[in-house]
């Protein structure tokens, strides 16, 4: 099963609006079609923890863009939505990460596919499992569900389905 999967995340208010605007920008691109999207999950920050919780989701898309062209589109959308890269793993309006691109393995200075840490991140694997549970990672011979089974239970519990309560903040 081939596919292109992106992770989206935001932890600066209004989080849901940033995710929605990023989705719209991707889908409005003439060479990108969003095929499926996961639910939105609320997750604790990883790495730099002195920040607000994230909203995360994963989407599958179809595109005629090459991987570096897709990366450029993602980074342009991030910049348009106010993304600043001041603190590694720090707060962000929106983060768009290419997870898998048609089962390719590629490592350049700008991009590594598959994403090098996605197999250890519950906030990526759980939304990804919702839309592609049996997706096999390129050259790993493991599926999304296999990697979830290897995660510590505490990591899994930190990822909860987010319910939009229609508040002014969200």
C-alpha atoms as a PDB file:
ATOM      1  CA  UNK A   1       0.000   0.000   0.000  1.00  0.00           C
ATOM      2  CA  UNK A   2       1.615   3.242  -1.111  1.00  0.00           C
ATOM      3  CA  UNK A   3       0.692   6.614   0.245  1.00  0.00           C
ATOM      4  CA  UNK A   4       1.929   9.906   1.489  1.00  0.00           C
ATOM      5  CA  UNK A   5       1.274  10.708   5.127  1.00  0.00           C
ATOM      6  CA  UNK A   6       1.769  13.999   6.936  1.00  0.00           C
ATOM      7  CA  UNK A   7       1.558  14.763  10.643  1.00  0.00           C
ATOM      8  CA  UNK A   8       0.029  18.078  11.692  1.00  0.00           C
ATOM      9  CA  UNK A   9       0.398  19.632  15.117  1.00  0.00           C
ATOM     10  CA  UNK A  10      -0.332  22.914  16.907  1.00  0.00           C
ATOM     11  CA  UNK A  11      -0.071  24.146  20.480  1.00  0.00           C
ATOM     12  CA  UNK A  12      -0.549  27.904  20.138  1.00  0.00           C
ATOM     13  CA  UNK A  13      -4.114  29.183  20.342  1.00  0.00           C
ATOM     14  CA  UNK A  14      -6.289  28.877  18.390  1.00  0.00           C
ATOM     15  CA  UNK A  15      -4.894  25.374  17.859  1.00  0.00           C
ATOM     16  CA  UNK A  16      -7.813  23.927  15.913  1.00  0.00           C
ATOM     17  CA  UNK A  17      -7.942  26.951  13.613  1.00  0.00           C
ATOM     18  CA  UNK A  18      -4.275  26.521  12.732  1.00  0.00           C
ATOM     19  CA  UNK A  19      -4.853  22.848  11.899  1.00  0.00           C
ATOM     20  CA  UNK A  20      -7.899  23.748   9.799  1.00  0.00           C
ATOM     21  CA  UNK A  21      -6.046  26.485   7.927  1.00  0.00           C
ATOM     22  CA  UNK A  22      -3.134  24.149   7.202  1.00  0.00           C
ATOM     23  CA  UNK A  23      -5.515  21.468   5.902  1.00  0.00           C
ATOM     24  CA  UNK A  24      -7.268  24.008   3.689  1.00  0.00           C
ATOM     25  CA  UNK A  25      -3.953  25.313   2.325  1.00  0.00           C
ATOM     26  CA  UNK A  26      -2.817  21.782   1.505  1.00  0.00           C
ATOM     27  CA  UNK A  27      -6.107  20.836  -0.130  1.00  0.00           C
ATOM     28  CA  UNK A  28      -6.247  24.133  -2.074  1.00  0.00           C
ATOM     29  CA  UNK A  29      -2.838  23.446  -3.636  1.00  0.00           C
ATOM     30  CA  UNK A  30      -3.383  22.466  -7.263  1.00  0.00           C
ATOM     31  CA  UNK A  31      -1.048  19.468  -7.010  1.00  0.00           C
ATOM     32  CA  UNK A  32      -2.210  18.108  -3.630  1.00  0.00           C
ATOM     33  CA  UNK A  33      -5.371  16.213  -2.715  1.00  0.00           C
ATOM     34  CA  UNK A  34      -6.148  15.301   0.890  1.00  0.00           C
ATOM     35  CA  UNK A  35      -7.526  11.754   0.800  1.00  0.00           C
ATOM     36  CA  UNK A  36      -8.113  10.867   4.460  1.00  0.00           C
ATOM     37  CA  UNK A  37      -7.629  12.538   7.788  1.00  0.00           C
ATOM     38  CA  UNK A  38      -7.563  11.212  11.308  1.00  0.00           C
ATOM     39  CA  UNK A  39      -9.431  12.593  14.250  1.00  0.00           C
ATOM     40  CA  UNK A  40      -7.682  15.248  16.299  1.00  0.00           C
ATOM     41  CA  UNK A  41      -5.849  14.139  19.431  1.00  0.00           C
ATOM     42  CA  UNK A  42      -4.622  16.164  22.389  1.00  0.00           C
ATOM     43  CA  UNK A  43      -1.130  15.276  23.505  1.00  0.00           C
ATOM     44  CA  UNK A  44       1.428  16.363  26.044  1.00  0.00           C
ATOM     45  CA  UNK A  45       4.539  18.041  24.628  1.00  0.00           C
ATOM     46  CA  UNK A  46       7.641  15.926  23.990  1.00  0.00           C
ATOM     47  CA  UNK A  47      11.211  17.147  24.359  1.00  0.00           C
ATOM     48  CA  UNK A  48      10.704  20.712  25.526  1.00  0.00           C
ATOM     49  CA  UNK A  49       7.871  20.247  28.047  1.00  0.00           C
ATOM     50  CA  UNK A  50       7.382  23.807  29.375  1.00  0.00           C
ATOM     51  CA  UNK A  51       4.585  24.561  26.923  1.00  0.00           C
ATOM     52  CA  UNK A  52       0.899  23.933  26.235  1.00  0.00           C
ATOM     53  CA  UNK A  53      -0.529  20.620  25.061  1.00  0.00           C
ATOM     54  CA  UNK A  54      -0.682  19.943  21.332  1.00  0.00           C
ATOM     55  CA  UNK A  55      -3.483  19.061  18.992  1.00  0.00           C
ATOM     56  CA  UNK A  56      -2.200  16.447  16.543  1.00  0.00           C
ATOM     57  CA  UNK A  57      -3.569  14.612  13.538  1.00  0.00           C
ATOM     58  CA  UNK A  58      -2.354  12.690  10.502  1.00  0.00           C
ATOM     59  CA  UNK A  59      -3.529  12.954   6.927  1.00  0.00           C
ATOM     60  CA  UNK A  60      -3.035  10.874   3.811  1.00  0.00           C
ATOM     61  CA  UNK A  61      -2.618  12.779   0.600  1.00  0.00           C
ATOM     62  CA  UNK A  62      -1.980  12.341  -3.081  1.00  0.00           C
ATOM     63  CA  UNK A  63       0.395  14.657  -4.914  1.00  0.00           C
ATOM     64  CA  UNK A  64       2.477  14.942  -8.031  1.00  0.00           C
ATOM     65  CA  UNK A  65       5.044  16.936  -6.047  1.00  0.00           C
ATOM     66  CA  UNK A  66       8.425  15.389  -5.410  1.00  0.00           C
ATOM     67  CA  UNK A  67       9.378  14.979  -1.726  1.00  0.00           C
ATOM     68  CA  UNK A  68      11.498  18.162  -1.530  1.00  0.00           C
ATOM     69  CA  UNK A  69       8.795  20.119  -3.365  1.00  0.00           C
ATOM     70  CA  UNK A  70       6.235  18.867  -0.842  1.00  0.00           C
ATOM     71  CA  UNK A  71       8.574  19.858   1.994  1.00  0.00           C
ATOM     72  CA  UNK A  72       8.794  23.352   0.503  1.00  0.00           C
ATOM     73  CA  UNK A  73       4.996  23.613   0.341  1.00  0.00           C
ATOM     74  CA  UNK A  74       4.705  22.447   3.964  1.00  0.00           C
ATOM     75  CA  UNK A  75       7.299  24.934   5.182  1.00  0.00           C
ATOM     76  CA  UNK A  76       5.646  27.739   3.219  1.00  0.00           C
ATOM     77  CA  UNK A  77       2.305  26.956   4.868  1.00  0.00           C
ATOM     78  CA  UNK A  78       3.972  26.868   8.293  1.00  0.00           C
ATOM     79  CA  UNK A  79       5.543  30.268   7.649  1.00  0.00           C
ATOM     80  CA  UNK A  80       2.263  31.753   6.345  1.00  0.00           C
ATOM     81  CA  UNK A  81       0.579  30.601   9.568  1.00  0.00           C
ATOM     82  CA  UNK A  82       3.207  32.279  11.742  1.00  0.00           C
ATOM     83  CA  UNK A  83       5.502  29.362  12.567  1.00  0.00           C
ATOM     84  CA  UNK A  84       8.712  30.468  14.267  1.00  0.00           C
ATOM     85  CA  UNK A  85      11.616  28.121  14.897  1.00  0.00           C
ATOM     86  CA  UNK A  86      13.127  29.649  18.032  1.00  0.00           C
ATOM     87  CA  UNK A  87      13.165  26.638  20.380  1.00  0.00           C
ATOM     88  CA  UNK A  88      13.784  23.051  19.234  1.00  0.00           C
ATOM     89  CA  UNK A  89      10.559  21.114  19.932  1.00  0.00           C
ATOM     90  CA  UNK A  90       9.103  24.415  21.193  1.00  0.00           C
ATOM     91  CA  UNK A  91       5.665  25.983  20.808  1.00  0.00           C
ATOM     92  CA  UNK A  92       4.342  26.359  17.282  1.00  0.00           C
ATOM     93  CA  UNK A  93       1.314  27.654  15.466  1.00  0.00           C
ATOM     94  CA  UNK A  94       1.515  24.684  13.141  1.00  0.00           C
ATOM     95  CA  UNK A  95       3.953  21.907  12.329  1.00  0.00           C
ATOM     96  CA  UNK A  96       3.714  19.837   9.141  1.00  0.00           C
ATOM     97  CA  UNK A  97       5.954  16.762   8.977  1.00  0.00           C
ATOM     98  CA  UNK A  98       6.258  14.352   6.069  1.00  0.00           C
ATOM     99  CA  UNK A  99       6.061  10.899   7.647  1.00  0.00           C
ATOM    100  CA  UNK A 100       6.014   8.541   4.681  1.00  0.00           C
ATOM    101  CA  UNK A 101       6.268   9.260   0.973  1.00  0.00           C
ATOM    102  CA  UNK A 102       5.311   6.291  -1.233  1.00  0.00           C
ATOM    103  CA  UNK A 103       7.426   3.791   0.710  1.00  0.00           C
ATOM    104  CA  UNK A 104      10.607   5.684  -0.199  1.00  0.00           C
ATOM    105  CA  UNK A 105      13.727   5.698   1.923  1.00  0.00           C
ATOM    106  CA  UNK A 106      15.621   8.929   1.536  1.00  0.00           C
ATOM    107  CA  UNK A 107      18.015  10.944   3.629  1.00  0.00           C
ATOM    108  CA  UNK A 108      19.192  14.396   2.654  1.00  0.00           C
ATOM    109  CA  UNK A 109      20.320  17.389   4.637  1.00  0.00           C
ATOM    110  CA  UNK A 110      16.771  18.778   4.444  1.00  0.00           C
ATOM    111  CA  UNK A 111      14.561  15.698   4.622  1.00  0.00           C
ATOM    112  CA  UNK A 112      14.593  12.143   5.945  1.00  0.00           C
ATOM    113  CA  UNK A 113      11.852   9.751   4.843  1.00  0.00           C
ATOM    114  CA  UNK A 114      10.398   7.931   6.624  1.00  0.00           C
ATOM    115  CA  UNK A 115      10.402  10.450   9.445  1.00  0.00           C
ATOM    116  CA  UNK A 116      13.243   9.299  11.728  1.00  0.00           C
ATOM    117  CA  UNK A 117      11.375   9.461  15.056  1.00  0.00           C
ATOM    118  CA  UNK A 118       7.793   8.700  14.095  1.00  0.00           C
ATOM    119  CA  UNK A 119       7.984   5.054  15.209  1.00  0.00           C
ATOM    120  CA  UNK A 120       8.604   6.157  18.818  1.00  0.00           C
ATOM    121  CA  UNK A 121       5.954   8.883  19.020  1.00  0.00           C
ATOM    122  CA  UNK A 122       2.497   7.956  20.206  1.00  0.00           C
ATOM    123  CA  UNK A 123       1.171  11.345  19.091  1.00  0.00           C
ATOM    124  CA  UNK A 124       2.012  10.325  15.508  1.00  0.00           C
ATOM    125  CA  UNK A 125       1.309   6.584  15.608  1.00  0.00           C
ATOM    126  CA  UNK A 126      -2.141   6.735  17.202  1.00  0.00           C
ATOM    127  CA  UNK A 127      -3.654   9.151  14.653  1.00  0.00           C
ATOM    128  CA  UNK A 128      -1.829   7.303  11.855  1.00  0.00           C
ATOM    129  CA  UNK A 129      -3.301   3.999  13.054  1.00  0.00           C
ATOM    130  CA  UNK A 130      -6.785   5.447  12.678  1.00  0.00           C
ATOM    131  CA  UNK A 131      -6.338   5.851   8.922  1.00  0.00           C
ATOM    132  CA  UNK A 132      -3.636   3.267   8.111  1.00  0.00           C
ATOM    133  CA  UNK A 133      -3.254   0.760  10.953  1.00  0.00           C
ATOM    134  CA  UNK A 134      -1.658  -1.957   8.846  1.00  0.00           C
ATOM    135  CA  UNK A 135       0.604   0.371   6.879  1.00  0.00           C
ATOM    136  CA  UNK A 136       4.096  -1.112   6.789  1.00  0.00           C
ATOM    137  CA  UNK A 137       7.006   1.221   7.355  1.00  0.00           C
ATOM    138  CA  UNK A 138       9.466   1.305   4.475  1.00  0.00           C
ATOM    139  CA  UNK A 139      12.154  -1.384   4.898  1.00  0.00           C
ATOM    140  CA  UNK A 140      11.177  -1.990   8.545  1.00  0.00           C
ATOM    141  CA  UNK A 141       8.801  -4.941   8.070  1.00  0.00           C
ATOM    142  CA  UNK A 142       6.667  -3.562  10.890  1.00  0.00           C
ATOM    143  CA  UNK A 143       3.252  -1.973  10.741  1.00  0.00           C
ATOM    144  CA  UNK A 144       1.868   1.015  12.584  1.00  0.00           C
ATOM    145  CA  UNK A 145       0.072  -1.341  14.964  1.00  0.00           C
ATOM    146  CA  UNK A 146       3.343  -3.238  15.634  1.00  0.00           C
ATOM    147  CA  UNK A 147       5.037  -0.006  16.688  1.00  0.00           C
ATOM    148  CA  UNK A 148       2.102   1.009  18.884  1.00  0.00           C
ATOM    149  CA  UNK A 149       2.367  -2.356  20.655  1.00  0.00           C
ATOM    150  CA  UNK A 150       6.004  -1.498  21.491  1.00  0.00           C
ATOM    151  CA  UNK A 151       5.203   1.896  23.057  1.00  0.00           C
ATOM    152  CA  UNK A 152       5.141   2.353  26.825  1.00  0.00           C
ATOM    153  CA  UNK A 153       1.569   2.417  28.146  1.00  0.00           C
ATOM    154  CA  UNK A 154       2.249   5.850  29.663  1.00  0.00           C
ATOM    155  CA  UNK A 155       2.957   7.291  26.194  1.00  0.00           C
ATOM    156  CA  UNK A 156      -0.294   5.877  24.840  1.00  0.00           C
ATOM    157  CA  UNK A 157      -2.302   7.296  27.754  1.00  0.00           C
ATOM    158  CA  UNK A 158      -0.905  10.777  27.005  1.00  0.00           C
ATOM    159  CA  UNK A 159      -2.704  10.777  23.635  1.00  0.00           C
ATOM    160  CA  UNK A 160      -6.434  11.405  24.009  1.00  0.00           C
ATOM    161  CA  UNK A 161      -9.146  11.992  21.461  1.00  0.00           C
ATOM    162  CA  UNK A 162      -9.855  15.728  21.406  1.00  0.00           C
ATOM    163  CA  UNK A 163     -13.472  16.804  21.491  1.00  0.00           C
ATOM    164  CA  UNK A 164     -14.273  20.243  20.080  1.00  0.00           C
ATOM    165  CA  UNK A 165     -16.477  21.827  22.708  1.00  0.00           C
ATOM    166  CA  UNK A 166     -16.934  24.965  20.640  1.00  0.00           C
ATOM    167  CA  UNK A 167     -15.133  27.162  23.157  1.00  0.00           C
ATOM    168  CA  UNK A 168     -13.785  30.554  22.165  1.00  0.00           C
ATOM    169  CA  UNK A 169     -10.237  29.297  22.773  1.00  0.00           C
ATOM    170  CA  UNK A 170     -10.527  26.417  20.344  1.00  0.00           C
END
